[in-house]
Amino acid sequence: MSSLCEITLDGHSLEPETLYRVARTLATTNEKVRIKIADAARERIRASADFVKRVIAGDKAVYGINTGFGKFAEVSIAKEKLCDLQKNLILSHCCGVGQPFERSLVFCATLIRLNVLCRGNSGVRPETVDALVASLETRFIASVPSQGSVGASGDLAPSAHVIAALMGYGEAEFFDGKTWRLGDAGELLALAKLKPLELAPKEGLALINGTQFTAAYAAHGLHSAKALLDASLLTLAMSIEGLRASHGIFNRNVVESHNHPGSVYCADKLAAWLPASTAIAESHENCGRVQDPYSLRCAPQVQGALFEEIQDAEETIRLEINCSTDNPLIFVNDGPSGSVRSGGNFHAIHSARVNDSLASCITTLASICERRVFLAMSPDLNAGLPAFLSPEGGLNSGLMIAQVTAAALVSENKALSFPASVDSIPTSDNKEDHVSMGPIAGKKLSMIIDNTWHVLGIELLSAAQALHLLRPLKSSPAIESLLVRYRKEVSPFDRDRYFASDINAATKFLKDEFL
């Protein structure tokens, strides 16, 4: 019997890790998912929908309800065409191109939008919210092209594809209990036993006008950044041992005097992997080496700084996924009859900056990890191990080109880490004259994350080989235990072989351990 994953959305308390966990569960497992809308949130949703009804009954022009959009904001729409207005909005905004988003990211973005609707500023009916919930629980999701959003006025094109699929347009995916099916959205809606969504006034705009895809990229990036950092502290500990570096680099007195919590965090993680003197450490106590290279000696400080950046990113994402990102916003308690206000909450600059910050952060992490791989290749730097960690160099090249691959990935990361959010191209006839480019920042971040997992896989490969060459000396019980699991996937080498398989296996091993 499948287990049950539950989440309650209230518009105020969604945690980034919870968001990621539920989205990943929906996308990758057979586990049942229950999404509950908090009672107070349901009341707010109902009140804002009632407000829209009152606007429709009157004659006042209100943007997004009875007017056109963007440049057409001054065009009034007849009452009998207000539902057509919303349908046309969705269809006209389905202009995405390129490869589809990962399924988990689309689920994540849809969950974020649901949480935003729970705040009661959107004017969406409870039954529309319930339709979104049903689609998620049923595992019906749009196939969404990943290119076409500039991150203001929200992530319009990808969000429109999500809603269009619920209306029966475009392509979608559906998990039938055994396999994922990709096909016509209308046909898959019927297979999922879901009714096509019919939009009421304001609903089309409310469902797409927001930062959910940029924020989804950021939430996914945050989870990966945490996992990459912790994985890198394992590979660092193994490199410390394999390169016979000093354990003093993570001495608690040293890092506490640095006065940065990230340095202490990294030192504590290293101490968990290397809690006491090991046979390897004892073997080089009087080796005469005074100080290690910076990629070892400064690692707690460098990687500690990244830990603090990740913490800052998490707080920003937490705020973003629990804020109202519509335009206009409905405030039912503003004055005796409520109000509707236009603003710029749809601008995805906060999530865009997080994506750019994490991109820079993870690029720095990959860079210092690659430097330790480089150290392991050189007999002048690796405490006497054979060149390229090959027992019979010359006839064999060892990990010579594995280090080149790591260097290539780091260089690619550097090119990708230029911040997308510093750019802006005006859209909508200059009505939208400054945009965040948040989805582009997110897409680059996801590429950097993939590259960095491979860099860490290469450091694991080289550090494990270094430890093998130091046998019969052993490291700490924690590292030796992990090596037993790792050696089931990747064996040591004494001659050249097809190393691409080893890199991929080492990378997968780290992902399985830390993601």
Protein backbone atom coordinates (compact mmCIF):
# COMPACT_ATOMS: atom_id res chain seq x y z
CA MET A 1 0.00 0.00 0.00
CA SER A 2 1.29 3.49 -0.86
CA SER A 3 2.15 5.81 2.00
CA LEU A 4 0.54 9.23 2.27
CA CYS A 5 2.21 12.61 1.83
CA GLU A 6 0.13 15.47 3.23
CA ILE A 7 0.46 19.23 3.00
CA THR A 8 -1.79 22.03 4.25
CA LEU A 9 -1.65 25.33 2.38
CA ASP A 10 -2.65 28.56 4.12
CA GLY A 11 -0.77 31.24 2.16
CA HIS A 12 1.53 32.10 5.05
CA SER A 13 3.57 29.17 6.33
CA LEU A 14 4.81 27.11 3.38
CA GLU A 15 8.44 26.06 3.88
CA PRO A 16 10.80 25.75 0.88
CA GLU A 17 11.88 22.24 1.85
CA THR A 18 8.25 21.13 2.28
CA LEU A 19 7.42 22.60 -1.11
CA TYR A 20 10.31 20.77 -2.74
CA ARG A 21 9.51 17.48 -0.99
CA VAL A 22 5.85 17.46 -2.07
CA ALA A 23 6.66 18.49 -5.66
CA ARG A 24 9.30 15.77 -5.91
CA THR A 25 6.91 13.21 -4.43
CA LEU A 26 4.28 14.09 -7.02
CA ALA A 27 6.77 13.89 -9.87
CA THR A 28 8.84 10.83 -9.00
CA THR A 29 6.97 8.43 -6.71
CA ASN A 30 3.78 6.45 -6.46
CA GLU A 31 3.10 7.86 -3.01
CA LYS A 32 -0.37 9.26 -2.44
CA VAL A 33 -0.50 13.02 -1.95
CA ARG A 34 -3.18 14.95 -0.11
CA ILE A 35 -3.31 18.72 -0.43
CA LYS A 36 -5.54 20.48 2.07
CA ILE A 37 -6.58 24.12 1.95
CA ALA A 38 -6.74 25.54 5.47
CA ASP A 39 -10.22 26.60 6.61
CA ALA A 40 -9.18 30.22 7.17
CA ALA A 41 -7.62 30.32 3.70
CA ARG A 42 -10.80 28.93 2.16
CA GLU A 43 -12.77 31.75 3.79
CA ARG A 44 -10.37 34.34 2.38
CA ILE A 45 -10.67 32.79 -1.07
CA ARG A 46 -14.45 32.87 -0.92
CA ALA A 47 -14.49 36.50 0.26
CA SER A 48 -12.22 37.67 -2.57
CA ALA A 49 -14.35 35.80 -5.14
CA ASP A 50 -17.45 37.52 -3.76
CA PHE A 51 -15.66 40.87 -4.16
CA VAL A 52 -15.16 40.12 -7.87
CA LYS A 53 -18.87 39.40 -8.22
CA ARG A 54 -19.65 42.82 -6.78
CA VAL A 55 -17.27 44.50 -9.21
CA ILE A 56 -18.93 42.74 -12.14
CA ALA A 57 -22.36 43.86 -10.96
CA GLY A 58 -21.22 47.48 -10.99
CA ASP A 59 -20.08 49.79 -13.75
CA LYS A 60 -16.62 50.79 -12.50
CA ALA A 61 -13.69 49.79 -14.71
CA VAL A 62 -11.31 47.54 -12.75
CA TYR A 63 -8.11 46.31 -14.37
CA GLY A 64 -8.03 42.58 -15.07
CA ILE A 65 -11.71 42.07 -14.32
CA ASN A 66 -13.52 44.11 -16.95
CA THR A 67 -10.64 45.68 -18.91
CA GLY A 68 -8.00 44.44 -21.31
CA PHE A 69 -4.45 43.65 -20.21
CA GLY A 70 -1.10 45.41 -20.42
CA LYS A 71 -1.26 47.96 -23.23
CA PHE A 72 -5.02 47.28 -23.46
CA ALA A 73 -5.69 48.27 -19.86
CA GLU A 74 -7.78 51.21 -21.02
CA VAL A 75 -10.13 49.04 -23.10
CA SER A 76 -13.42 48.22 -21.36
CA ILE A 77 -14.92 44.78 -21.88
CA ALA A 78 -18.66 44.07 -22.03
CA LYS A 79 -20.08 41.98 -19.18
CA GLU A 80 -21.18 39.16 -21.44
CA LYS A 81 -17.60 38.76 -22.69
CA LEU A 82 -15.75 38.70 -19.36
CA CYS A 83 -15.32 34.91 -19.34
CA ASP A 84 -14.12 35.01 -22.95
CA LEU A 85 -11.62 37.66 -21.88
CA GLN A 86 -10.03 35.25 -19.39
CA LYS A 87 -9.99 32.32 -21.81
CA ASN A 88 -8.43 34.48 -24.52
CA LEU A 89 -5.80 35.67 -22.05
CA ILE A 90 -4.70 32.11 -21.32
CA LEU A 91 -4.63 30.97 -24.95
CA SER A 92 -2.86 34.08 -26.23
CA HIS A 93 -0.18 33.77 -23.55
CA CYS A 94 0.66 30.15 -24.45
CA CYS A 95 3.74 31.19 -26.39
CA GLY A 96 6.43 29.12 -24.71
CA VAL A 97 9.14 27.38 -26.73
CA GLY A 98 12.00 24.99 -26.10
CA GLN A 99 12.36 21.81 -24.08
CA PRO A 100 9.74 21.24 -21.39
CA PHE A 101 10.41 21.97 -17.74
CA GLU A 102 11.15 19.05 -15.49
CA ARG A 103 7.90 17.64 -14.18
CA SER A 104 8.81 18.31 -10.54
CA LEU A 105 9.39 21.99 -11.29
CA VAL A 106 5.94 22.36 -12.86
CA PHE A 107 4.39 20.70 -9.82
CA CYS A 108 6.40 23.04 -7.60
CA ALA A 109 5.24 26.14 -9.50
CA THR A 110 1.61 25.01 -9.32
CA LEU A 111 1.86 24.43 -5.58
CA ILE A 112 3.32 27.91 -5.14
CA ARG A 113 0.43 29.41 -7.10
CA LEU A 114 -2.08 27.51 -4.96
CA ASN A 115 -0.43 28.83 -1.82
CA VAL A 116 -0.61 32.38 -3.18
CA LEU A 117 -4.33 31.97 -3.91
CA CYS A 118 -4.81 30.98 -0.27
CA ARG A 119 -3.90 34.52 0.78
CA GLY A 120 -7.25 35.77 -0.52
CA ASN A 121 -5.98 38.62 -2.68
CA SER A 122 -6.66 37.00 -6.05
CA GLY A 123 -10.43 36.77 -6.62
CA VAL A 124 -10.42 33.10 -7.61
CA ARG A 125 -13.40 30.93 -6.71
CA PRO A 126 -13.04 28.05 -4.22
CA GLU A 127 -14.12 25.57 -6.91
CA THR A 128 -11.26 26.71 -9.14
CA VAL A 129 -8.82 26.20 -6.29
CA ASP A 130 -10.29 22.74 -5.74
CA ALA A 131 -9.81 21.96 -9.43
CA LEU A 132 -6.12 22.80 -9.13
CA VAL A 133 -5.83 20.62 -6.04
CA ALA A 134 -7.56 17.72 -7.82
CA SER A 135 -5.21 17.97 -10.79
CA LEU A 136 -2.16 17.77 -8.52
CA GLU A 137 -3.48 14.91 -6.41
CA THR A 138 -4.45 13.04 -9.58
CA ARG A 139 -1.00 13.75 -11.05
CA PHE A 140 -2.25 15.55 -14.13
CA ILE A 141 0.20 18.26 -15.13
CA ALA A 142 0.87 20.38 -18.21
CA SER A 143 3.88 19.80 -20.39
CA VAL A 144 5.31 23.32 -20.20
CA PRO A 145 7.93 24.79 -22.58
CA SER A 146 10.81 26.19 -20.54
CA GLN A 147 11.52 29.36 -22.54
CA GLY A 148 9.40 32.45 -23.00
CA SER A 149 9.16 34.23 -19.64
CA VAL A 150 11.01 37.39 -18.62
CA GLY A 151 9.86 37.19 -14.99
CA ALA A 152 7.44 40.18 -15.04
CA SER A 153 4.46 40.61 -15.23
CA GLY A 154 5.07 37.32 -13.60
CA ASP A 155 5.94 34.08 -15.36
CA LEU A 156 3.11 34.51 -17.84
CA ALA A 157 3.84 32.11 -20.71
CA PRO A 158 4.73 29.00 -18.66
CA SER A 159 1.89 29.65 -16.22
CA ALA A 160 -0.55 30.01 -19.12
CA HIS A 161 0.50 26.60 -20.44
CA VAL A 162 -0.33 25.11 -17.00
CA ILE A 163 -3.86 26.54 -17.02
CA ALA A 164 -4.45 25.85 -20.71
CA ALA A 165 -3.83 22.15 -20.10
CA LEU A 166 -6.46 22.19 -17.34
CA MET A 167 -8.82 23.71 -19.92
CA GLY A 168 -8.01 20.93 -22.39
CA TYR A 169 -5.51 22.73 -24.65
CA GLY A 170 -1.95 21.80 -25.50
CA GLU A 171 -0.01 18.85 -24.15
CA ALA A 172 -0.01 17.36 -20.68
CA GLU A 173 1.28 14.45 -18.66
CA PHE A 174 -0.73 12.07 -16.53
CA PHE A 175 0.41 9.31 -14.19
CA ASP A 176 -2.03 6.44 -14.53
CA GLY A 177 -0.71 4.55 -11.49
CA LYS A 178 1.97 2.72 -13.44
CA THR A 179 3.50 5.00 -16.05
CA TRP A 180 3.56 8.64 -17.08
CA ARG A 181 1.61 9.35 -20.27
CA LEU A 182 2.36 12.34 -22.49
CA GLY A 183 -0.32 13.47 -24.92
CA ASP A 184 -3.22 15.74 -25.76
CA ALA A 185 -4.38 17.60 -22.66
CA GLY A 186 -8.07 17.12 -23.41
CA GLU A 187 -7.69 13.36 -23.82
CA LEU A 188 -5.62 13.04 -20.67
CA LEU A 189 -8.12 15.12 -18.68
CA ALA A 190 -10.76 12.56 -19.63
CA LEU A 191 -8.43 9.71 -18.70
CA ALA A 192 -7.80 11.37 -15.33
CA LYS A 193 -11.56 11.85 -14.90
CA LEU A 194 -11.13 15.61 -14.53
CA LYS A 195 -13.53 18.16 -15.99
CA PRO A 196 -12.01 20.88 -18.20
CA LEU A 197 -11.54 24.08 -16.21
CA GLU A 198 -13.91 26.95 -17.05
CA LEU A 199 -12.67 30.35 -16.00
CA ALA A 200 -14.74 33.03 -14.31
CA PRO A 201 -13.90 36.77 -14.48
CA LYS A 202 -10.46 37.65 -13.08
CA GLU A 203 -9.42 34.00 -12.79
CA GLY A 204 -7.22 33.70 -15.87
CA LEU A 205 -5.14 36.67 -14.79
CA ALA A 206 -5.03 35.52 -11.17
CA LEU A 207 -3.77 32.07 -12.17
CA ILE A 208 -0.85 33.22 -14.33
CA ASN A 209 0.16 36.63 -12.95
CA GLY A 210 2.88 35.72 -10.46
CA THR A 211 6.45 34.60 -9.83
CA GLN A 212 5.80 30.89 -9.40
CA PHE A 213 8.19 29.48 -12.02
CA THR A 214 11.09 31.73 -11.03
CA ALA A 215 10.40 30.84 -7.39
CA ALA A 216 10.16 27.13 -8.25
CA TYR A 217 13.60 27.30 -9.84
CA ALA A 218 14.86 28.97 -6.67
CA ALA A 219 13.27 26.35 -4.37
CA HIS A 220 14.78 23.52 -6.41
CA GLY A 221 18.12 25.33 -6.50
CA LEU A 222 18.07 25.86 -2.76
CA HIS A 223 17.55 22.15 -2.07
CA SER A 224 20.34 21.22 -4.46
CA ALA A 225 22.68 23.86 -3.01
CA LYS A 226 22.24 22.43 0.49
CA ALA A 227 22.89 18.91 -0.78
CA LEU A 228 25.90 19.98 -2.84
CA LEU A 229 27.46 21.78 0.11
CA ASP A 230 27.10 18.78 2.41
CA ALA A 231 28.35 16.42 -0.31
CA SER A 232 31.34 18.69 -0.86
CA LEU A 233 32.20 18.49 2.84
CA LEU A 234 32.39 14.71 2.50
CA THR A 235 34.62 14.92 -0.58
CA LEU A 236 36.70 17.56 1.23
CA ALA A 237 37.16 15.24 4.24
CA MET A 238 38.23 12.45 1.88
CA SER A 239 40.62 14.80 0.06
CA ILE A 240 42.11 15.91 3.39
CA GLU A 241 42.87 12.29 4.16
CA GLY A 242 43.86 11.22 0.65
CA LEU A 243 46.24 14.18 0.24
CA ARG A 244 47.50 13.78 3.81
CA ALA A 245 46.56 17.30 4.76
CA SER A 246 46.34 18.68 8.29
CA HIS A 247 43.22 18.15 10.38
CA GLY A 248 44.06 21.49 11.99
CA ILE A 249 42.29 23.35 9.18
CA PHE A 250 38.98 22.61 10.86
CA ASN A 251 40.15 23.06 14.42
CA ARG A 252 37.27 24.53 16.45
CA ASN A 253 39.42 27.28 17.99
CA VAL A 254 40.54 28.38 14.54
CA VAL A 255 37.10 28.55 12.98
CA GLU A 256 35.43 30.13 16.03
CA SER A 257 38.02 32.90 15.92
CA HIS A 258 36.91 33.54 12.34
CA ASN A 259 33.59 34.72 13.80
CA HIS A 260 31.45 33.45 10.93
CA PRO A 261 28.82 30.77 11.61
CA GLY A 262 29.40 29.13 8.24
CA SER A 263 33.00 28.32 9.10
CA VAL A 264 31.86 26.64 12.30
CA TYR A 265 29.16 24.70 10.43
CA CYS A 266 31.71 23.34 7.95
CA ALA A 267 34.21 22.51 10.68
CA ASP A 268 31.56 20.59 12.60
CA LYS A 269 30.59 18.63 9.48
CA LEU A 270 34.25 17.80 8.83
CA ALA A 271 34.71 16.75 12.44
CA ALA A 272 31.76 14.37 12.03
CA TRP A 273 33.57 12.69 9.12
CA LEU A 274 36.99 12.88 10.79
CA PRO A 275 36.20 12.87 14.54
CA ALA A 276 39.62 11.78 15.80
CA SER A 277 43.12 11.14 14.61
CA THR A 278 43.18 8.43 11.95
CA ALA A 279 45.88 6.00 10.90
CA ILE A 280 46.44 8.15 7.83
CA ALA A 281 46.77 11.32 9.90
CA GLU A 282 49.20 9.65 12.33
CA SER A 283 51.36 8.52 9.41
CA HIS A 284 52.28 12.10 8.47
CA GLU A 285 52.40 13.84 11.85
CA ASN A 286 56.10 14.69 11.43
CA CYS A 287 56.19 15.02 7.65
CA GLY A 288 57.67 18.52 7.72
CA ARG A 289 54.92 20.15 5.63
CA VAL A 290 54.07 23.44 7.32
CA GLN A 291 50.89 24.52 5.54
CA ASP A 292 48.50 23.05 2.99
CA PRO A 293 47.34 24.77 -0.22
CA TYR A 294 44.41 27.15 0.10
CA SER A 295 41.85 24.81 -1.48
CA LEU A 296 42.39 22.62 1.61
CA ARG A 297 43.44 25.09 4.28
CA CYS A 298 40.79 27.73 3.51
CA ALA A 299 37.99 25.31 2.66
CA PRO A 300 35.99 25.78 5.90
CA GLN A 301 36.05 29.54 5.37
CA VAL A 302 35.20 29.45 1.65
CA GLN A 303 32.53 26.79 1.92
CA GLY A 304 31.31 28.39 5.14
CA ALA A 305 30.65 31.63 3.28
CA LEU A 306 28.56 29.64 0.82
CA PHE A 307 26.61 28.10 3.70
CA GLU A 308 25.66 31.60 4.87
CA GLU A 309 24.62 32.63 1.36
CA ILE A 310 22.39 29.57 1.13
CA GLN A 311 20.78 30.47 4.46
CA ASP A 312 20.06 33.99 3.19
CA ALA A 313 18.57 32.54 0.00
CA GLU A 314 16.29 30.27 2.00
CA GLU A 315 14.79 33.18 3.92
CA THR A 316 14.12 35.12 0.72
CA ILE A 317 12.47 32.11 -0.91
CA ARG A 318 10.34 31.52 2.19
CA LEU A 319 9.04 35.08 1.93
CA GLU A 320 8.46 34.83 -1.82
CA ILE A 321 6.40 31.64 -1.79
CA ASN A 322 4.19 33.10 0.95
CA CYS A 323 3.45 36.48 -0.61
CA SER A 324 0.77 37.86 -2.93
CA THR A 325 2.15 38.24 -6.45
CA ASP A 326 -0.99 39.23 -8.41
CA ASN A 327 -1.94 42.42 -10.11
CA PRO A 328 -4.40 43.80 -9.26
CA LEU A 329 -4.75 42.71 -5.64
CA ILE A 330 -8.05 42.47 -3.80
CA PHE A 331 -8.28 43.65 -0.18
CA VAL A 332 -11.72 42.76 1.13
CA ASN A 333 -11.13 44.46 4.49
CA ASP A 334 -9.82 47.74 3.10
CA GLY A 335 -12.58 50.21 4.00
CA PRO A 336 -16.31 49.48 4.24
CA SER A 337 -16.56 47.80 0.83
CA GLY A 338 -13.01 46.58 0.20
CA SER A 339 -10.65 47.72 -2.50
CA VAL A 340 -8.71 46.57 -5.52
CA ARG A 341 -5.17 47.92 -5.90
CA SER A 342 -2.64 47.76 -8.72
CA GLY A 343 1.04 47.29 -7.89
CA GLY A 344 4.19 45.45 -8.85
CA ASN A 345 4.27 42.34 -6.67
CA PHE A 346 4.45 40.21 -9.83
CA HIS A 347 8.03 41.37 -10.46
CA ALA A 348 10.20 38.30 -9.79
CA ILE A 349 13.32 40.23 -8.81
CA HIS A 350 13.68 38.57 -5.39
CA SER A 351 13.58 35.03 -6.78
CA ALA A 352 15.68 36.12 -9.76
CA ARG A 353 18.37 37.47 -7.45
CA VAL A 354 18.27 34.26 -5.43
CA ASN A 355 18.79 32.23 -8.61
CA ASP A 356 21.72 34.43 -9.58
CA SER A 357 23.17 34.32 -6.07
CA LEU A 358 22.94 30.54 -5.86
CA ALA A 359 24.49 30.26 -9.32
CA SER A 360 27.52 32.27 -8.15
CA CYS A 361 27.61 30.36 -4.87
CA ILE A 362 27.61 26.91 -6.48
CA THR A 363 30.13 27.99 -9.12
CA THR A 364 32.49 28.97 -6.31
CA LEU A 365 31.92 25.60 -4.68
CA ALA A 366 32.73 23.74 -7.90
CA SER A 367 35.85 25.85 -8.34
CA ILE A 368 37.40 24.98 -4.98
CA CYS A 369 36.49 21.30 -5.40
CA GLU A 370 38.20 21.20 -8.80
CA ARG A 371 41.34 22.70 -7.27
CA ARG A 372 41.54 19.76 -4.87
CA VAL A 373 41.21 17.37 -7.82
CA PHE A 374 44.12 19.21 -9.43
CA LEU A 375 46.20 18.78 -6.27
CA ALA A 376 45.57 15.04 -6.34
CA MET A 377 46.97 14.77 -9.88
CA SER A 378 50.44 16.22 -9.17
CA PRO A 379 53.21 14.38 -7.27
CA ASP A 380 54.60 17.80 -6.34
CA LEU A 381 51.33 18.62 -4.52
CA ASN A 382 49.73 15.32 -3.51
CA ALA A 383 52.17 14.25 -0.80
CA GLY A 384 53.96 11.70 -2.95
CA LEU A 385 51.14 9.83 -4.61
CA PRO A 386 51.75 8.79 -8.25
CA ALA A 387 50.97 11.25 -11.01
CA PHE A 388 47.28 11.29 -11.94
CA LEU A 389 46.80 8.63 -9.25
CA SER A 390 47.88 5.89 -11.66
CA PRO A 391 50.13 3.18 -10.18
CA GLU A 392 51.85 2.76 -13.56
CA GLY A 393 51.94 6.21 -15.13
CA GLY A 394 53.07 6.61 -18.70
CA LEU A 395 51.57 3.40 -19.91
CA ASN A 396 48.42 4.61 -18.15
CA SER A 397 47.07 8.18 -17.95
CA GLY A 398 44.99 7.66 -14.83
CA LEU A 399 42.65 10.52 -13.97
CA MET A 400 44.49 13.07 -16.12
CA ILE A 401 41.46 13.82 -18.29
CA ALA A 402 38.97 13.48 -15.46
CA GLN A 403 40.59 16.60 -14.01
CA VAL A 404 40.34 18.27 -17.42
CA THR A 405 36.62 17.48 -17.45
CA ALA A 406 36.25 19.06 -14.01
CA ALA A 407 38.11 22.15 -15.26
CA ALA A 408 35.85 22.36 -18.30
CA LEU A 409 32.71 22.13 -16.14
CA VAL A 410 33.96 24.83 -13.78
CA SER A 411 34.79 27.11 -16.70
CA GLU A 412 31.31 26.53 -18.13
CA ASN A 413 29.84 27.39 -14.73
CA LYS A 414 31.75 30.65 -14.69
CA ALA A 415 30.30 31.59 -18.08
CA LEU A 416 26.80 30.69 -16.85
CA SER A 417 27.08 32.58 -13.57
CA PHE A 418 26.85 36.08 -15.03
CA PRO A 419 23.66 37.39 -13.37
CA ALA A 420 20.63 37.33 -15.65
CA SER A 421 18.74 39.71 -13.36
CA VAL A 422 20.96 42.67 -14.28
CA ASP A 423 19.48 42.56 -17.77
CA SER A 424 16.13 43.93 -18.90
CA ILE A 425 14.38 44.21 -22.27
CA PRO A 426 11.15 46.25 -22.32
CA THR A 427 7.99 44.38 -23.34
CA SER A 428 4.30 45.12 -23.96
CA ASP A 429 4.93 48.29 -25.94
CA ASN A 430 7.12 49.64 -23.11
CA LYS A 431 4.33 49.32 -20.55
CA GLU A 432 6.48 46.63 -18.93
CA ASP A 433 9.78 48.45 -19.23
CA HIS A 434 11.80 46.66 -16.54
CA VAL A 435 11.70 42.90 -16.06
CA SER A 436 13.62 40.42 -13.88
CA MET A 437 14.74 37.72 -16.33
CA GLY A 438 14.23 35.38 -13.37
CA PRO A 439 13.44 32.20 -15.35
CA ILE A 440 16.65 32.65 -17.34
CA ALA A 441 18.56 32.95 -14.07
CA GLY A 442 16.83 29.79 -12.87
CA LYS A 443 17.60 27.86 -16.03
CA LYS A 444 21.29 28.77 -15.79
CA LEU A 445 21.27 27.78 -12.13
CA SER A 446 19.92 24.32 -12.96
CA MET A 447 22.72 23.83 -15.52
CA ILE A 448 25.34 24.91 -12.97
CA ILE A 449 23.90 22.47 -10.43
CA ASP A 450 24.14 19.58 -12.90
CA ASN A 451 27.74 20.49 -13.76
CA THR A 452 28.73 20.77 -10.11
CA TRP A 453 27.39 17.33 -9.21
CA HIS A 454 29.80 15.96 -11.81
CA VAL A 455 32.69 18.02 -10.41
CA LEU A 456 31.99 16.57 -6.97
CA GLY A 457 31.74 13.12 -8.49
CA ILE A 458 35.23 13.59 -9.93
CA GLU A 459 36.56 14.75 -6.56
CA LEU A 460 35.02 11.66 -4.95
CA LEU A 461 36.60 9.47 -7.64
CA SER A 462 40.05 11.01 -7.13
CA ALA A 463 39.89 11.14 -3.32
CA ALA A 464 38.75 7.52 -3.09
CA GLN A 465 41.57 6.45 -5.41
CA ALA A 466 44.06 8.39 -3.27
CA LEU A 467 42.81 6.59 -0.16
CA HIS A 468 43.14 3.27 -2.00
CA LEU A 469 46.77 4.05 -2.82
CA LEU A 470 47.46 4.71 0.88
CA ARG A 471 46.34 1.22 1.91
CA PRO A 472 46.79 -0.49 4.34
CA LEU A 473 46.38 2.83 6.18
CA LYS A 474 42.76 3.62 6.94
CA SER A 475 40.70 6.75 7.50
CA SER A 476 37.93 7.34 10.05
CA PRO A 477 35.17 4.77 10.69
CA ALA A 478 32.64 7.11 9.05
CA ILE A 479 34.64 7.44 5.83
CA GLU A 480 35.58 3.76 5.77
CA SER A 481 31.91 2.84 6.13
CA LEU A 482 30.96 5.12 3.26
CA LEU A 483 33.79 3.70 1.14
CA VAL A 484 32.33 0.21 1.56
CA ARG A 485 29.08 1.44 -0.02
CA TYR A 486 30.91 3.42 -2.67
CA ARG A 487 33.09 0.49 -3.70
CA LYS A 488 29.97 -1.47 -4.60
CA GLU A 489 29.51 1.09 -7.39
CA VAL A 490 33.07 2.10 -8.31
CA SER A 491 36.13 -0.08 -7.81
CA PRO A 492 39.70 1.23 -7.50
CA PHE A 493 41.86 1.05 -10.62
CA ASP A 494 45.41 0.01 -11.36
CA ARG A 495 45.20 0.53 -15.14
CA ASP A 496 43.22 2.77 -17.47
CA ARG A 497 39.60 1.99 -18.25
CA TYR A 498 36.45 3.73 -19.52
CA PHE A 499 36.39 6.44 -16.84
CA ALA A 500 33.17 8.14 -17.99
CA SER A 501 31.22 5.31 -16.37
CA ASP A 502 33.12 5.83 -13.11
CA ILE A 503 32.41 9.58 -13.12
CA ASN A 504 28.72 9.00 -13.70
CA ALA A 505 28.56 6.29 -11.03
CA ALA A 506 30.40 8.45 -8.48
CA THR A 507 28.07 11.37 -9.25
CA LYS A 508 24.99 9.19 -8.86
CA PHE A 509 26.36 7.82 -5.58
CA LEU A 510 26.64 11.34 -4.14
CA LYS A 511 23.15 12.28 -5.32
CA ASP A 512 21.71 9.14 -3.75
CA GLU A 513 23.50 9.92 -0.48
CA PHE A 514 22.68 13.62 -0.20
CA LEU A 515 19.71 14.65 -2.36
